[in-house]
């Protein structure tokens, strides 16, 4: 699969542009797939999410509990890589035995596998999701196909669809060591590639899906860690409340300190805007005037880059304005 757009940090910011920098004028040609990726991005097609849950993947008992949890303690079937469906309150334990995870643990503890620092993972706990309103069956089928292409005949895995939250999502548990004894290490580049592939499988199910970096879309705020995110949904996040109180105190004093990351945000945005302008020029040169204009509008409509503290301050100010309006115009 060709790269879509934009890579940050250690890779080109806009991959399809930067490869041609310094070359002869007109030497870069956008492929049909690249143009389609640009179009999806400027139309703000829903973004596919692939997340690796970080905790308790190196403990046999915790892995069993997680498998039981995603199977809703026997209410949902766990689909495995060999096409079997495992159900029941003991589904987690049965999969641990089937995958020989107890042997992996024994090898580790008897120094047959290297142990340095934190114990290596027994599994990778992956979540694949889409925004509310996405057809759940399509998300499940895309996740099935993604898992089959990435892991079949290599890593044992099990998956299950959850629809008890607004956004349909699939929990995928993958054995960290393959049947050939090769350990799967998940890096940032791995996650980027998985997102692209999951989005491709979603599009194969006629579900509009994209996989781009937040910063490329003009977004500067990441979703908080899962426990904080879920607490926010319930309205009882102490982390969010404490942060808002700190920002409110700064606003009362009339001064919001500049965060160290602000200069990095501004520099990144400058590079992104430069890349988008180059994309627009390339599209125009290839006869895609309408899409080039959409790219320019997309870039102009990006919200200004703000740090987390600035975003919280913006929300607090808006809340104060809304409260004043309600007080001045009470509902009759």
C-alpha atoms as a PDB file:
ATOM      1  CA  UNK A   1       0.000   0.000   0.000  1.00  0.00           C
ATOM      2  CA  UNK A   2       1.380   3.455  -0.853  1.00  0.00           C
ATOM      3  CA  UNK A   3       1.718   5.851   2.020  1.00  0.00           C
ATOM      4  CA  UNK A   4      -1.154   8.266   2.231  1.00  0.00           C
ATOM      5  CA  UNK A   5       0.174  11.536   3.622  1.00  0.00           C
ATOM      6  CA  UNK A   6       2.124  12.975   6.360  1.00  0.00           C
ATOM      7  CA  UNK A   7       4.534  11.390   8.636  1.00  0.00           C
ATOM      8  CA  UNK A   8       5.884  13.241  11.631  1.00  0.00           C
ATOM      9  CA  UNK A   9       9.078  13.165  13.670  1.00  0.00           C
ATOM     10  CA  UNK A  10      11.471  10.656  12.095  1.00  0.00           C
ATOM     11  CA  UNK A  11       9.756  10.480   8.717  1.00  0.00           C
ATOM     12  CA  UNK A  12       8.838  13.046   6.072  1.00  0.00           C
ATOM     13  CA  UNK A  13       6.024  15.328   7.165  1.00  0.00           C
ATOM     14  CA  UNK A  14       4.193  14.974   3.881  1.00  0.00           C
ATOM     15  CA  UNK A  15       5.695  11.846   2.400  1.00  0.00           C
ATOM     16  CA  UNK A  16       4.471  12.414  -1.124  1.00  0.00           C
ATOM     17  CA  UNK A  17       6.022  15.888  -1.262  1.00  0.00           C
ATOM     18  CA  UNK A  18       9.253  15.622   0.652  1.00  0.00           C
ATOM     19  CA  UNK A  19      10.633  12.760  -1.435  1.00  0.00           C
ATOM     20  CA  UNK A  20      10.877  15.231  -4.299  1.00  0.00           C
ATOM     21  CA  UNK A  21      12.421  18.180  -2.510  1.00  0.00           C
ATOM     22  CA  UNK A  22      15.556  19.289  -4.232  1.00  0.00           C
ATOM     23  CA  UNK A  23      14.684  17.475  -7.440  1.00  0.00           C
ATOM     24  CA  UNK A  24      13.826  18.986 -10.796  1.00  0.00           C
ATOM     25  CA  UNK A  25      10.657  21.019 -10.965  1.00  0.00           C
ATOM     26  CA  UNK A  26       7.629  18.939 -11.907  1.00  0.00           C
ATOM     27  CA  UNK A  27       9.328  15.628 -11.028  1.00  0.00           C
ATOM     28  CA  UNK A  28       6.692  14.653  -8.445  1.00  0.00           C
ATOM     29  CA  UNK A  29       3.486  13.019  -9.640  1.00  0.00           C
ATOM     30  CA  UNK A  30       0.653  12.174  -7.305  1.00  0.00           C
ATOM     31  CA  UNK A  31      -0.778   8.700  -7.833  1.00  0.00           C
ATOM     32  CA  UNK A  32      -4.501   7.956  -7.874  1.00  0.00           C
ATOM     33  CA  UNK A  33      -4.228   6.377  -4.407  1.00  0.00           C
ATOM     34  CA  UNK A  34      -2.441   9.420  -3.028  1.00  0.00           C
ATOM     35  CA  UNK A  35      -5.040  11.764  -4.504  1.00  0.00           C
ATOM     36  CA  UNK A  36      -7.799   9.632  -2.975  1.00  0.00           C
ATOM     37  CA  UNK A  37      -6.062   9.860   0.421  1.00  0.00           C
ATOM     38  CA  UNK A  38      -5.836  13.644   0.127  1.00  0.00           C
ATOM     39  CA  UNK A  39      -9.519  13.825  -0.774  1.00  0.00           C
ATOM     40  CA  UNK A  40     -10.504  11.683   2.237  1.00  0.00           C
ATOM     41  CA  UNK A  41      -8.476  13.889   4.549  1.00  0.00           C
ATOM     42  CA  UNK A  42      -9.852  17.241   3.384  1.00  0.00           C
ATOM     43  CA  UNK A  43     -13.397  15.836   3.502  1.00  0.00           C
ATOM     44  CA  UNK A  44     -12.678  14.800   7.099  1.00  0.00           C
ATOM     45  CA  UNK A  45     -13.648  11.188   6.541  1.00  0.00           C
ATOM     46  CA  UNK A  46     -13.940   9.374   9.915  1.00  0.00           C
ATOM     47  CA  UNK A  47     -10.622   8.226  11.316  1.00  0.00           C
ATOM     48  CA  UNK A  48      -9.988   4.579  12.148  1.00  0.00           C
ATOM     49  CA  UNK A  49      -8.439   3.968  15.543  1.00  0.00           C
ATOM     50  CA  UNK A  50      -6.036   1.204  16.526  1.00  0.00           C
ATOM     51  CA  UNK A  51      -4.832   1.237  20.102  1.00  0.00           C
ATOM     52  CA  UNK A  52      -2.674  -1.129  22.132  1.00  0.00           C
ATOM     53  CA  UNK A  53      -3.789  -1.300  25.753  1.00  0.00           C
ATOM     54  CA  UNK A  54      -0.614  -1.016  27.836  1.00  0.00           C
ATOM     55  CA  UNK A  55      -1.322  -2.686  31.166  1.00  0.00           C
ATOM     56  CA  UNK A  56      -1.126  -6.258  32.499  1.00  0.00           C
ATOM     57  CA  UNK A  57      -0.108  -8.035  29.297  1.00  0.00           C
ATOM     58  CA  UNK A  58       2.829  -9.845  30.921  1.00  0.00           C
ATOM     59  CA  UNK A  59       0.903 -11.569  33.709  1.00  0.00           C
ATOM     60  CA  UNK A  60      -0.808 -14.893  33.059  1.00  0.00           C
ATOM     61  CA  UNK A  61      -3.666 -14.314  35.470  1.00  0.00           C
ATOM     62  CA  UNK A  62      -4.305 -10.788  34.167  1.00  0.00           C
ATOM     63  CA  UNK A  63      -4.387 -12.014  30.578  1.00  0.00           C
ATOM     64  CA  UNK A  64      -6.992 -14.618  31.547  1.00  0.00           C
ATOM     65  CA  UNK A  65      -9.082 -11.968  33.292  1.00  0.00           C
ATOM     66  CA  UNK A  66      -8.905  -9.707  30.225  1.00  0.00           C
ATOM     67  CA  UNK A  67     -10.058 -12.514  27.933  1.00  0.00           C
ATOM     68  CA  UNK A  68     -12.957 -13.260  30.269  1.00  0.00           C
ATOM     69  CA  UNK A  69     -13.812  -9.557  30.439  1.00  0.00           C
ATOM     70  CA  UNK A  70     -13.933  -8.975  26.670  1.00  0.00           C
ATOM     71  CA  UNK A  71     -16.067 -12.124  26.380  1.00  0.00           C
ATOM     72  CA  UNK A  72     -18.372 -10.520  28.941  1.00  0.00           C
ATOM     73  CA  UNK A  73     -17.866 -13.520  31.207  1.00  0.00           C
ATOM     74  CA  UNK A  74     -19.493 -15.986  28.865  1.00  0.00           C
ATOM     75  CA  UNK A  75     -22.099 -13.806  27.170  1.00  0.00           C
ATOM     76  CA  UNK A  76     -20.070 -13.199  23.981  1.00  0.00           C
ATOM     77  CA  UNK A  77     -18.203 -15.585  21.699  1.00  0.00           C
ATOM     78  CA  UNK A  78     -14.452 -15.151  21.305  1.00  0.00           C
ATOM     79  CA  UNK A  79     -13.516 -15.831  17.680  1.00  0.00           C
ATOM     80  CA  UNK A  80     -10.096 -17.434  17.262  1.00  0.00           C
ATOM     81  CA  UNK A  81      -7.586 -17.523  14.434  1.00  0.00           C
ATOM     82  CA  UNK A  82      -8.563 -21.096  13.530  1.00  0.00           C
ATOM     83  CA  UNK A  83     -12.239 -20.195  13.141  1.00  0.00           C
ATOM     84  CA  UNK A  84     -13.381 -21.584  16.470  1.00  0.00           C
ATOM     85  CA  UNK A  85     -15.762 -19.792  18.809  1.00  0.00           C
ATOM     86  CA  UNK A  86     -14.949 -19.988  22.494  1.00  0.00           C
ATOM     87  CA  UNK A  87     -17.691 -19.174  24.968  1.00  0.00           C
ATOM     88  CA  UNK A  88     -18.206 -19.549  28.692  1.00  0.00           C
ATOM     89  CA  UNK A  89     -17.020 -18.111  31.968  1.00  0.00           C
ATOM     90  CA  UNK A  90     -13.793 -20.115  31.626  1.00  0.00           C
ATOM     91  CA  UNK A  91     -13.083 -18.996  28.032  1.00  0.00           C
ATOM     92  CA  UNK A  92      -9.993 -17.091  29.127  1.00  0.00           C
ATOM     93  CA  UNK A  93      -8.434 -20.068  30.870  1.00  0.00           C
ATOM     94  CA  UNK A  94      -9.167 -22.358  27.914  1.00  0.00           C
ATOM     95  CA  UNK A  95      -7.426 -19.961  25.525  1.00  0.00           C
ATOM     96  CA  UNK A  96      -4.428 -19.639  27.857  1.00  0.00           C
ATOM     97  CA  UNK A  97      -4.054 -23.415  27.732  1.00  0.00           C
ATOM     98  CA  UNK A  98      -4.654 -23.637  23.984  1.00  0.00           C
ATOM     99  CA  UNK A  99      -2.020 -20.968  23.330  1.00  0.00           C
ATOM    100  CA  UNK A 100       0.467 -22.572  25.770  1.00  0.00           C
ATOM    101  CA  UNK A 101       0.902 -19.260  27.529  1.00  0.00           C
ATOM    102  CA  UNK A 102       1.736 -21.118  30.723  1.00  0.00           C
ATOM    103  CA  UNK A 103       4.749 -22.571  28.873  1.00  0.00           C
ATOM    104  CA  UNK A 104       5.802 -19.073  27.785  1.00  0.00           C
ATOM    105  CA  UNK A 105       5.650 -18.010  31.415  1.00  0.00           C
ATOM    106  CA  UNK A 106       7.681 -21.068  32.494  1.00  0.00           C
ATOM    107  CA  UNK A 107      10.351 -20.416  29.855  1.00  0.00           C
ATOM    108  CA  UNK A 108      10.689 -16.868  31.100  1.00  0.00           C
ATOM    109  CA  UNK A 109      10.965 -17.877  34.727  1.00  0.00           C
ATOM    110  CA  UNK A 110      13.538 -20.597  34.012  1.00  0.00           C
ATOM    111  CA  UNK A 111      15.725 -18.200  31.988  1.00  0.00           C
ATOM    112  CA  UNK A 112      15.052 -19.990  28.711  1.00  0.00           C
ATOM    113  CA  UNK A 113      13.936 -16.586  27.502  1.00  0.00           C
ATOM    114  CA  UNK A 114      15.856 -13.413  28.330  1.00  0.00           C
ATOM    115  CA  UNK A 115      14.503 -11.396  31.222  1.00  0.00           C
ATOM    116  CA  UNK A 116      15.771  -7.851  31.537  1.00  0.00           C
ATOM    117  CA  UNK A 117      13.830  -5.222  33.432  1.00  0.00           C
ATOM    118  CA  UNK A 118      10.095  -5.545  32.906  1.00  0.00           C
ATOM    119  CA  UNK A 119       8.843  -9.022  31.975  1.00  0.00           C
ATOM    120  CA  UNK A 120       8.119  -9.370  28.250  1.00  0.00           C
ATOM    121  CA  UNK A 121       4.496  -9.403  27.168  1.00  0.00           C
ATOM    122  CA  UNK A 122       2.607 -12.657  26.815  1.00  0.00           C
ATOM    123  CA  UNK A 123      -0.006 -11.019  24.584  1.00  0.00           C
ATOM    124  CA  UNK A 124      -0.795  -7.731  22.896  1.00  0.00           C
ATOM    125  CA  UNK A 125      -4.220  -6.314  23.786  1.00  0.00           C
ATOM    126  CA  UNK A 126      -5.408  -4.341  20.768  1.00  0.00           C
ATOM    127  CA  UNK A 127      -8.576  -2.323  20.246  1.00  0.00           C
ATOM    128  CA  UNK A 128      -9.870  -1.362  16.793  1.00  0.00           C
ATOM    129  CA  UNK A 129     -12.690   1.168  16.718  1.00  0.00           C
ATOM    130  CA  UNK A 130     -14.682   3.672  14.690  1.00  0.00           C
ATOM    131  CA  UNK A 131     -16.852   6.675  15.624  1.00  0.00           C
ATOM    132  CA  UNK A 132     -20.507   6.344  16.683  1.00  0.00           C
ATOM    133  CA  UNK A 133     -22.867   5.553  13.837  1.00  0.00           C
ATOM    134  CA  UNK A 134     -20.463   3.248  11.993  1.00  0.00           C
ATOM    135  CA  UNK A 135     -22.102  -0.098  11.071  1.00  0.00           C
ATOM    136  CA  UNK A 136     -20.936  -2.550  13.732  1.00  0.00           C
ATOM    137  CA  UNK A 137     -21.007  -5.610  11.465  1.00  0.00           C
ATOM    138  CA  UNK A 138     -18.754  -3.842   8.983  1.00  0.00           C
ATOM    139  CA  UNK A 139     -16.287  -2.956  11.750  1.00  0.00           C
ATOM    140  CA  UNK A 140     -16.251  -6.614  12.842  1.00  0.00           C
ATOM    141  CA  UNK A 141     -15.688  -7.913   9.309  1.00  0.00           C
ATOM    142  CA  UNK A 142     -12.906  -5.377   8.708  1.00  0.00           C
ATOM    143  CA  UNK A 143     -11.262  -6.393  11.996  1.00  0.00           C
ATOM    144  CA  UNK A 144     -11.513 -10.079  11.034  1.00  0.00           C
ATOM    145  CA  UNK A 145      -9.836  -9.438   7.694  1.00  0.00           C
ATOM    146  CA  UNK A 146      -7.196  -7.214   9.281  1.00  0.00           C
ATOM    147  CA  UNK A 147      -6.318  -9.872  11.868  1.00  0.00           C
ATOM    148  CA  UNK A 148      -6.230 -12.622   9.237  1.00  0.00           C
ATOM    149  CA  UNK A 149      -3.817 -10.707   7.001  1.00  0.00           C
ATOM    150  CA  UNK A 150      -1.562  -9.544   9.835  1.00  0.00           C
ATOM    151  CA  UNK A 151      -1.389 -12.611  12.069  1.00  0.00           C
ATOM    152  CA  UNK A 152      -2.841 -15.785  10.507  1.00  0.00           C
ATOM    153  CA  UNK A 153      -0.487 -18.816  10.562  1.00  0.00           C
ATOM    154  CA  UNK A 154       1.914 -16.780  12.680  1.00  0.00           C
ATOM    155  CA  UNK A 155       0.411 -15.475  15.906  1.00  0.00           C
ATOM    156  CA  UNK A 156      -2.547 -17.011  17.715  1.00  0.00           C
ATOM    157  CA  UNK A 157      -5.326 -14.525  18.356  1.00  0.00           C
ATOM    158  CA  UNK A 158      -8.919 -14.064  19.483  1.00  0.00           C
ATOM    159  CA  UNK A 159     -11.326 -11.211  18.835  1.00  0.00           C
ATOM    160  CA  UNK A 160     -14.786 -10.023  19.834  1.00  0.00           C
ATOM    161  CA  UNK A 161     -17.065  -7.123  18.880  1.00  0.00           C
ATOM    162  CA  UNK A 162     -18.416  -4.769  21.560  1.00  0.00           C
ATOM    163  CA  UNK A 163     -21.437  -2.567  20.848  1.00  0.00           C
ATOM    164  CA  UNK A 164     -22.285  -1.510  24.410  1.00  0.00           C
ATOM    165  CA  UNK A 165     -20.702   1.921  23.865  1.00  0.00           C
ATOM    166  CA  UNK A 166     -21.599   4.486  21.187  1.00  0.00           C
ATOM    167  CA  UNK A 167     -18.502   3.683  19.111  1.00  0.00           C
ATOM    168  CA  UNK A 168     -18.390   0.078  17.802  1.00  0.00           C
ATOM    169  CA  UNK A 169     -15.055  -1.528  18.632  1.00  0.00           C
ATOM    170  CA  UNK A 170     -13.327  -4.879  18.420  1.00  0.00           C
ATOM    171  CA  UNK A 171     -11.039  -6.240  21.101  1.00  0.00           C
ATOM    172  CA  UNK A 172      -8.212  -8.282  19.582  1.00  0.00           C
ATOM    173  CA  UNK A 173      -5.814 -10.279  21.763  1.00  0.00           C
ATOM    174  CA  UNK A 174      -2.687 -11.527  19.962  1.00  0.00           C
ATOM    175  CA  UNK A 175      -0.132 -13.961  21.358  1.00  0.00           C
ATOM    176  CA  UNK A 176       3.155 -12.064  21.521  1.00  0.00           C
ATOM    177  CA  UNK A 177       5.349 -15.001  20.430  1.00  0.00           C
ATOM    178  CA  UNK A 178       4.503 -16.585  17.090  1.00  0.00           C
ATOM    179  CA  UNK A 179       4.226 -20.286  16.356  1.00  0.00           C
ATOM    180  CA  UNK A 180       7.717 -19.965  14.827  1.00  0.00           C
ATOM    181  CA  UNK A 181       9.120 -18.468  18.036  1.00  0.00           C
ATOM    182  CA  UNK A 182       9.335 -14.883  16.759  1.00  0.00           C
ATOM    183  CA  UNK A 183       8.306 -12.130  19.174  1.00  0.00           C
ATOM    184  CA  UNK A 184       5.968  -9.409  17.937  1.00  0.00           C
ATOM    185  CA  UNK A 185       7.205  -5.964  18.973  1.00  0.00           C
ATOM    186  CA  UNK A 186       4.715  -3.127  18.489  1.00  0.00           C
ATOM    187  CA  UNK A 187       6.314   0.222  17.722  1.00  0.00           C
ATOM    188  CA  UNK A 188       4.869   3.563  16.616  1.00  0.00           C
ATOM    189  CA  UNK A 189       5.515   2.680  12.987  1.00  0.00           C
ATOM    190  CA  UNK A 190       3.662  -0.606  13.539  1.00  0.00           C
ATOM    191  CA  UNK A 191       0.606   1.246  14.852  1.00  0.00           C
ATOM    192  CA  UNK A 192       0.666   3.673  11.907  1.00  0.00           C
ATOM    193  CA  UNK A 193       0.718   0.770   9.479  1.00  0.00           C
ATOM    194  CA  UNK A 194      -2.021  -1.096  11.354  1.00  0.00           C
ATOM    195  CA  UNK A 195      -4.252   1.992  11.232  1.00  0.00           C
ATOM    196  CA  UNK A 196      -3.751   2.318   7.487  1.00  0.00           C
ATOM    197  CA  UNK A 197      -4.536  -1.352   6.945  1.00  0.00           C
ATOM    198  CA  UNK A 198      -7.595  -1.335   9.219  1.00  0.00           C
ATOM    199  CA  UNK A 199      -8.911   1.735   7.371  1.00  0.00           C
ATOM    200  CA  UNK A 200      -8.356  -0.042   4.054  1.00  0.00           C
ATOM    201  CA  UNK A 201     -10.329  -3.063   5.245  1.00  0.00           C
ATOM    202  CA  UNK A 202     -13.116  -0.757   6.431  1.00  0.00           C
ATOM    203  CA  UNK A 203     -13.288   0.840   2.980  1.00  0.00           C
ATOM    204  CA  UNK A 204     -13.524  -2.665   1.506  1.00  0.00           C
ATOM    205  CA  UNK A 205     -16.721  -2.953   3.595  1.00  0.00           C
ATOM    206  CA  UNK A 206     -18.009   0.314   2.039  1.00  0.00           C
ATOM    207  CA  UNK A 207     -17.307   2.190   5.260  1.00  0.00           C
ATOM    208  CA  UNK A 208     -15.678   5.585   4.774  1.00  0.00           C
ATOM    209  CA  UNK A 209     -12.463   5.472   6.812  1.00  0.00           C
ATOM    210  CA  UNK A 210      -9.159   7.279   6.915  1.00  0.00           C
ATOM    211  CA  UNK A 211      -5.886   6.974   8.824  1.00  0.00           C
ATOM    212  CA  UNK A 212      -3.984  10.231   9.228  1.00  0.00           C
ATOM    213  CA  UNK A 213      -2.023  11.955  11.970  1.00  0.00           C
ATOM    214  CA  UNK A 214      -3.930  14.365  14.234  1.00  0.00           C
ATOM    215  CA  UNK A 215      -1.540  17.207  13.536  1.00  0.00           C
ATOM    216  CA  UNK A 216      -2.048  16.878   9.781  1.00  0.00           C
ATOM    217  CA  UNK A 217      -5.754  17.504  10.346  1.00  0.00           C
ATOM    218  CA  UNK A 218      -5.012  20.523  12.497  1.00  0.00           C
ATOM    219  CA  UNK A 219      -5.794  18.754  15.764  1.00  0.00           C
ATOM    220  CA  UNK A 220      -3.403  19.197  18.659  1.00  0.00           C
ATOM    221  CA  UNK A 221      -5.134  17.340  21.465  1.00  0.00           C
ATOM    222  CA  UNK A 222      -4.805  13.590  21.855  1.00  0.00           C
ATOM    223  CA  UNK A 223      -7.498  11.468  23.416  1.00  0.00           C
ATOM    224  CA  UNK A 224      -6.620  10.992  27.098  1.00  0.00           C
ATOM    225  CA  UNK A 225      -5.501   7.608  28.450  1.00  0.00           C
ATOM    226  CA  UNK A 226      -8.331   5.083  28.520  1.00  0.00           C
ATOM    227  CA  UNK A 227      -9.115   5.241  32.280  1.00  0.00           C
ATOM    228  CA  UNK A 228      -9.318   9.058  32.127  1.00  0.00           C
ATOM    229  CA  UNK A 229     -11.395   8.906  28.945  1.00  0.00           C
ATOM    230  CA  UNK A 230     -13.901   6.534  30.534  1.00  0.00           C
ATOM    231  CA  UNK A 231     -14.038   8.640  33.696  1.00  0.00           C
ATOM    232  CA  UNK A 232     -14.760  11.681  31.510  1.00  0.00           C
ATOM    233  CA  UNK A 233     -17.670   9.822  29.924  1.00  0.00           C
ATOM    234  CA  UNK A 234     -19.049   9.125  33.401  1.00  0.00           C
ATOM    235  CA  UNK A 235     -18.421  12.724  34.468  1.00  0.00           C
ATOM    236  CA  UNK A 236     -16.226  11.774  37.436  1.00  0.00           C
ATOM    237  CA  UNK A 237     -12.649  12.270  36.225  1.00  0.00           C
ATOM    238  CA  UNK A 238     -10.585  13.757  39.068  1.00  0.00           C
ATOM    239  CA  UNK A 239      -7.696  14.262  36.632  1.00  0.00           C
ATOM    240  CA  UNK A 240      -9.803  16.463  34.349  1.00  0.00           C
ATOM    241  CA  UNK A 241     -11.321  18.348  37.286  1.00  0.00           C
ATOM    242  CA  UNK A 242      -7.917  19.027  38.866  1.00  0.00           C
ATOM    243  CA  UNK A 243      -6.494  20.293  35.594  1.00  0.00           C
ATOM    244  CA  UNK A 244      -9.477  22.599  35.083  1.00  0.00           C
ATOM    245  CA  UNK A 245      -9.045  23.987  38.607  1.00  0.00           C
ATOM    246  CA  UNK A 246      -5.380  24.783  37.956  1.00  0.00           C
ATOM    247  CA  UNK A 247      -6.207  26.569  34.693  1.00  0.00           C
ATOM    248  CA  UNK A 248      -9.098  28.448  36.335  1.00  0.00           C
ATOM    249  CA  UNK A 249      -6.735  29.721  39.047  1.00  0.00           C
ATOM    250  CA  UNK A 250      -4.386  31.065  36.352  1.00  0.00           C
ATOM    251  CA  UNK A 251      -7.277  32.806  34.596  1.00  0.00           C
ATOM    252  CA  UNK A 252      -8.424  34.440  37.844  1.00  0.00           C
ATOM    253  CA  UNK A 253      -4.899  35.800  38.273  1.00  0.00           C
ATOM    254  CA  UNK A 254      -5.054  37.144  34.728  1.00  0.00           C
ATOM    255  CA  UNK A 255      -2.128  35.143  33.372  1.00  0.00           C
ATOM    256  CA  UNK A 256      -1.975  31.749  31.659  1.00  0.00           C
ATOM    257  CA  UNK A 257       1.679  30.588  31.597  1.00  0.00           C
ATOM    258  CA  UNK A 258       3.058  29.526  28.228  1.00  0.00           C
ATOM    259  CA  UNK A 259       3.725  25.787  28.191  1.00  0.00           C
ATOM    260  CA  UNK A 260       7.131  24.517  26.991  1.00  0.00           C
ATOM    261  CA  UNK A 261       5.531  22.577  24.133  1.00  0.00           C
ATOM    262  CA  UNK A 262       3.949  25.641  22.547  1.00  0.00           C
ATOM    263  CA  UNK A 263       6.973  26.455  20.371  1.00  0.00           C
ATOM    264  CA  UNK A 264       7.039  22.878  19.082  1.00  0.00           C
ATOM    265  CA  UNK A 265       3.333  23.055  18.231  1.00  0.00           C
ATOM    266  CA  UNK A 266       3.861  26.263  16.268  1.00  0.00           C
ATOM    267  CA  UNK A 267       6.876  24.888  14.392  1.00  0.00           C
ATOM    268  CA  UNK A 268       4.997  21.699  13.507  1.00  0.00           C
ATOM    269  CA  UNK A 269       1.990  23.658  12.271  1.00  0.00           C
ATOM    270  CA  UNK A 270       4.262  25.793  10.077  1.00  0.00           C
ATOM    271  CA  UNK A 271       5.696  22.652   8.457  1.00  0.00           C
ATOM    272  CA  UNK A 272       2.235  21.174   7.971  1.00  0.00           C
ATOM    273  CA  UNK A 273       0.908  24.301   6.292  1.00  0.00           C
ATOM    274  CA  UNK A 274       3.936  24.375   4.031  1.00  0.00           C
ATOM    275  CA  UNK A 275       3.307  20.747   3.099  1.00  0.00           C
ATOM    276  CA  UNK A 276      -0.364  21.332   2.370  1.00  0.00           C
ATOM    277  CA  UNK A 277       0.498  24.301   0.138  1.00  0.00           C
ATOM    278  CA  UNK A 278       2.887  22.080  -1.787  1.00  0.00           C
ATOM    279  CA  UNK A 279       0.148  19.441  -2.112  1.00  0.00           C
ATOM    280  CA  UNK A 280      -2.253  22.083  -3.440  1.00  0.00           C
ATOM    281  CA  UNK A 281       0.295  23.240  -6.025  1.00  0.00           C
ATOM    282  CA  UNK A 282       0.890  19.656  -7.191  1.00  0.00           C
ATOM    283  CA  UNK A 283      -2.832  19.015  -7.539  1.00  0.00           C
ATOM    284  CA  UNK A 284      -3.273  22.204  -9.529  1.00  0.00           C
ATOM    285  CA  UNK A 285      -0.389  21.235 -11.841  1.00  0.00           C
ATOM    286  CA  UNK A 286      -2.019  17.840 -12.450  1.00  0.00           C
ATOM    287  CA  UNK A 287      -5.370  19.362 -13.350  1.00  0.00           C
ATOM    288  CA  UNK A 288      -7.210  18.784 -10.058  1.00  0.00           C
ATOM    289  CA  UNK A 289      -8.199  22.401  -9.494  1.00  0.00           C
ATOM    290  CA  UNK A 290     -11.290  21.612  -7.385  1.00  0.00           C
ATOM    291  CA  UNK A 291      -9.371  19.400  -4.973  1.00  0.00           C
ATOM    292  CA  UNK A 292      -6.510  21.909  -4.815  1.00  0.00           C
ATOM    293  CA  UNK A 293      -9.025  24.575  -3.739  1.00  0.00           C
ATOM    294  CA  UNK A 294     -10.456  22.210  -1.112  1.00  0.00           C
ATOM    295  CA  UNK A 295      -6.953  21.647   0.235  1.00  0.00           C
ATOM    296  CA  UNK A 296      -6.456  25.398   0.615  1.00  0.00           C
ATOM    297  CA  UNK A 297      -9.798  25.799   2.393  1.00  0.00           C
ATOM    298  CA  UNK A 298      -9.013  22.828   4.632  1.00  0.00           C
ATOM    299  CA  UNK A 299      -5.709  24.411   5.622  1.00  0.00           C
ATOM    300  CA  UNK A 300      -7.277  27.837   6.233  1.00  0.00           C
ATOM    301  CA  UNK A 301      -9.998  26.321   8.428  1.00  0.00           C
ATOM    302  CA  UNK A 302      -7.590  24.509  10.738  1.00  0.00           C
ATOM    303  CA  UNK A 303      -8.064  25.675  14.326  1.00  0.00           C
ATOM    304  CA  UNK A 304      -5.052  27.501  15.769  1.00  0.00           C
ATOM    305  CA  UNK A 305      -2.555  25.182  17.488  1.00  0.00           C
ATOM    306  CA  UNK A 306      -3.270  25.134  21.212  1.00  0.00           C
ATOM    307  CA  UNK A 307      -1.691  23.310  24.120  1.00  0.00           C
ATOM    308  CA  UNK A 308      -3.837  21.267  26.500  1.00  0.00           C
ATOM    309  CA  UNK A 309      -3.834  24.139  28.990  1.00  0.00           C
ATOM    310  CA  UNK A 310      -4.976  26.611  26.328  1.00  0.00           C
ATOM    311  CA  UNK A 311      -7.758  24.258  25.231  1.00  0.00           C
ATOM    312  CA  UNK A 312      -9.003  23.921  28.812  1.00  0.00           C
ATOM    313  CA  UNK A 313      -8.888  27.726  29.190  1.00  0.00           C
ATOM    314  CA  UNK A 314     -10.901  28.096  25.969  1.00  0.00           C
ATOM    315  CA  UNK A 315     -13.543  25.690  27.287  1.00  0.00           C
ATOM    316  CA  UNK A 316     -13.753  27.504  30.621  1.00  0.00           C
ATOM    317  CA  UNK A 317     -14.169  30.890  28.927  1.00  0.00           C
ATOM    318  CA  UNK A 318     -16.892  29.456  26.675  1.00  0.00           C
ATOM    319  CA  UNK A 319     -18.646  27.968  29.705  1.00  0.00           C
ATOM    320  CA  UNK A 320     -18.614  31.378  31.424  1.00  0.00           C
ATOM    321  CA  UNK A 321     -20.030  33.081  28.305  1.00  0.00           C
ATOM    322  CA  UNK A 322     -22.785  30.463  27.985  1.00  0.00           C
ATOM    323  CA  UNK A 323     -23.684  30.853  31.651  1.00  0.00           C
ATOM    324  CA  UNK A 324     -23.982  34.629  31.307  1.00  0.00           C
ATOM    325  CA  UNK A 325     -26.223  34.273  28.263  1.00  0.00           C
ATOM    326  CA  UNK A 326     -28.515  31.878  30.142  1.00  0.00           C
ATOM    327  CA  UNK A 327     -28.640  34.245  33.127  1.00  0.00           C
ATOM    328  CA  UNK A 328     -29.553  37.206  30.898  1.00  0.00           C
ATOM    329  CA  UNK A 329     -32.143  35.264  28.916  1.00  0.00           C
ATOM    330  CA  UNK A 330     -33.709  32.695  31.239  1.00  0.00           C
ATOM    331  CA  UNK A 331     -36.017  30.152  29.659  1.00  0.00           C
ATOM    332  CA  UNK A 332     -39.619  31.172  30.018  1.00  0.00           C
END
